[in-house]
Protein backbone atom coordinates (compact mmCIF):
# COMPACT_ATOMS: atom_id res chain seq x y z
CA MET A 1 118.21 82.22 96.13
CA LYS A 2 117.69 81.15 92.97
CA VAL A 3 114.30 80.24 91.93
CA THR A 4 114.05 76.38 90.52
CA SER A 5 110.90 74.07 89.48
CA HIS A 6 111.20 72.32 93.12
CA ILE A 7 110.62 75.80 94.90
CA VAL A 8 107.76 76.68 92.28
CA GLN A 9 106.37 73.03 92.36
CA ARG A 10 105.81 72.94 96.15
CA GLY A 11 102.70 74.30 98.26
CA PHE A 12 102.83 77.47 99.61
CA ILE A 13 100.75 77.06 102.50
CA GLY A 14 102.45 77.22 105.62
CA LEU A 15 105.11 79.97 104.81
CA ASN A 16 105.84 83.49 105.78
CA ALA A 17 105.29 85.61 102.77
CA GLU A 18 105.62 88.86 101.89
CA VAL A 19 104.25 90.78 99.32
CA VAL A 20 106.71 93.29 97.79
CA GLU A 21 105.25 94.20 94.10
CA SER A 22 101.89 94.56 92.79
CA SER A 23 99.72 96.50 90.55
CA ASN A 24 97.37 97.28 93.16
CA PRO A 25 99.11 99.03 95.75
CA THR A 26 96.82 99.00 98.54
CA CYS A 27 98.55 95.19 98.90
CA ILE A 28 102.51 96.41 98.80
CA GLY A 29 103.58 95.29 102.22
CA ILE A 30 101.50 92.93 103.26
CA SER A 31 102.94 90.00 104.83
CA GLY A 32 101.94 87.00 106.91
CA ARG A 33 101.67 82.82 106.90
CA VAL A 34 99.81 81.78 103.86
CA VAL A 35 96.72 80.20 105.13
CA ASP A 36 95.09 79.32 101.93
CA GLU A 37 96.19 79.68 98.81
CA THR A 38 93.63 78.39 95.28
CA ARG A 39 94.32 78.70 91.32
CA ASN A 40 94.37 82.13 91.45
CA VAL A 41 94.83 83.66 94.75
CA LEU A 42 96.79 82.89 98.17
CA VAL A 43 95.28 83.82 101.60
CA ILE A 44 97.71 85.48 103.88
CA MET A 45 96.84 86.26 107.95
CA HIS A 46 98.11 89.86 108.29
CA GLN A 47 97.44 91.45 111.80
CA ASN A 48 94.58 88.47 112.93
CA GLU A 49 93.23 89.41 108.99
CA LYS A 50 92.88 86.81 105.88
CA LYS A 51 94.10 89.38 103.18
CA VAL A 52 93.44 88.03 99.76
CA ILE A 53 96.04 88.67 97.39
CA ILE A 54 95.27 88.28 93.30
CA LYS A 55 98.34 85.97 92.45
CA ASN A 56 99.10 87.39 88.75
CA VAL A 57 99.13 90.56 89.73
CA ALA A 58 101.77 90.78 92.41
CA VAL A 59 105.83 89.64 93.69
CA PHE A 60 106.08 87.54 96.54
CA HIS A 61 109.01 87.31 99.33
CA PHE A 62 108.37 83.70 100.79
CA THR A 63 110.45 82.45 103.45
CA MET A 64 111.56 78.80 103.81
CA LEU A 65 111.40 76.46 106.26
CA ASP A 66 115.38 76.57 106.58
CA GLY A 67 115.15 80.49 106.92
CA THR A 68 116.11 81.51 102.94
CA VAL A 69 114.06 84.38 101.31
CA VAL A 70 113.04 83.80 97.56
CA GLU A 71 111.27 85.89 95.41
CA ILE A 72 108.81 84.53 93.15
CA ASP A 73 107.06 85.93 90.41
CA GLY A 74 102.82 85.49 90.95
CA LYS A 75 102.42 85.30 87.62
CA ILE A 76 104.49 81.36 87.42
CA ILE A 77 102.45 80.32 91.03
CA VAL A 78 98.88 80.85 89.30
CA GLY A 79 97.19 77.29 88.72
CA ARG A 80 95.70 75.10 91.48
CA PRO A 81 98.31 73.69 94.37
CA GLU A 82 97.49 69.76 94.18
CA ASP A 83 97.58 70.29 89.73
CA ARG A 84 100.98 72.43 89.97
CA ILE A 85 102.91 69.94 91.79
CA LYS A 86 102.02 66.89 89.22
CA LYS A 87 102.90 69.63 86.07
CA ARG A 88 106.28 70.07 84.57
CA VAL A 89 107.57 73.86 85.20
CA ARG A 90 108.62 75.89 81.84
CA ARG A 91 111.75 78.16 82.39
CA LEU A 92 110.48 81.58 83.01
CA TRP A 93 113.01 83.42 84.89
């Protein structure tokens, strides 16, 4: 699915996510439900453990509520969720 500004502006808490690329090789393959989001990190519940993933060094696959899978570079979603909803997203892809 094509990434649009509407998808980037939404919050990701509650969605299923998987880390598909990262500069930290131990993070690749972590998947689960997003339980928290801050300015620079996503917290993913992976096998009953909370894993902290830095956004700007990873690429994520998010499964939306309708079942579509979207690939988003973490550099695009860096920022506080409440601020990201308000601001206009420049096209980086």
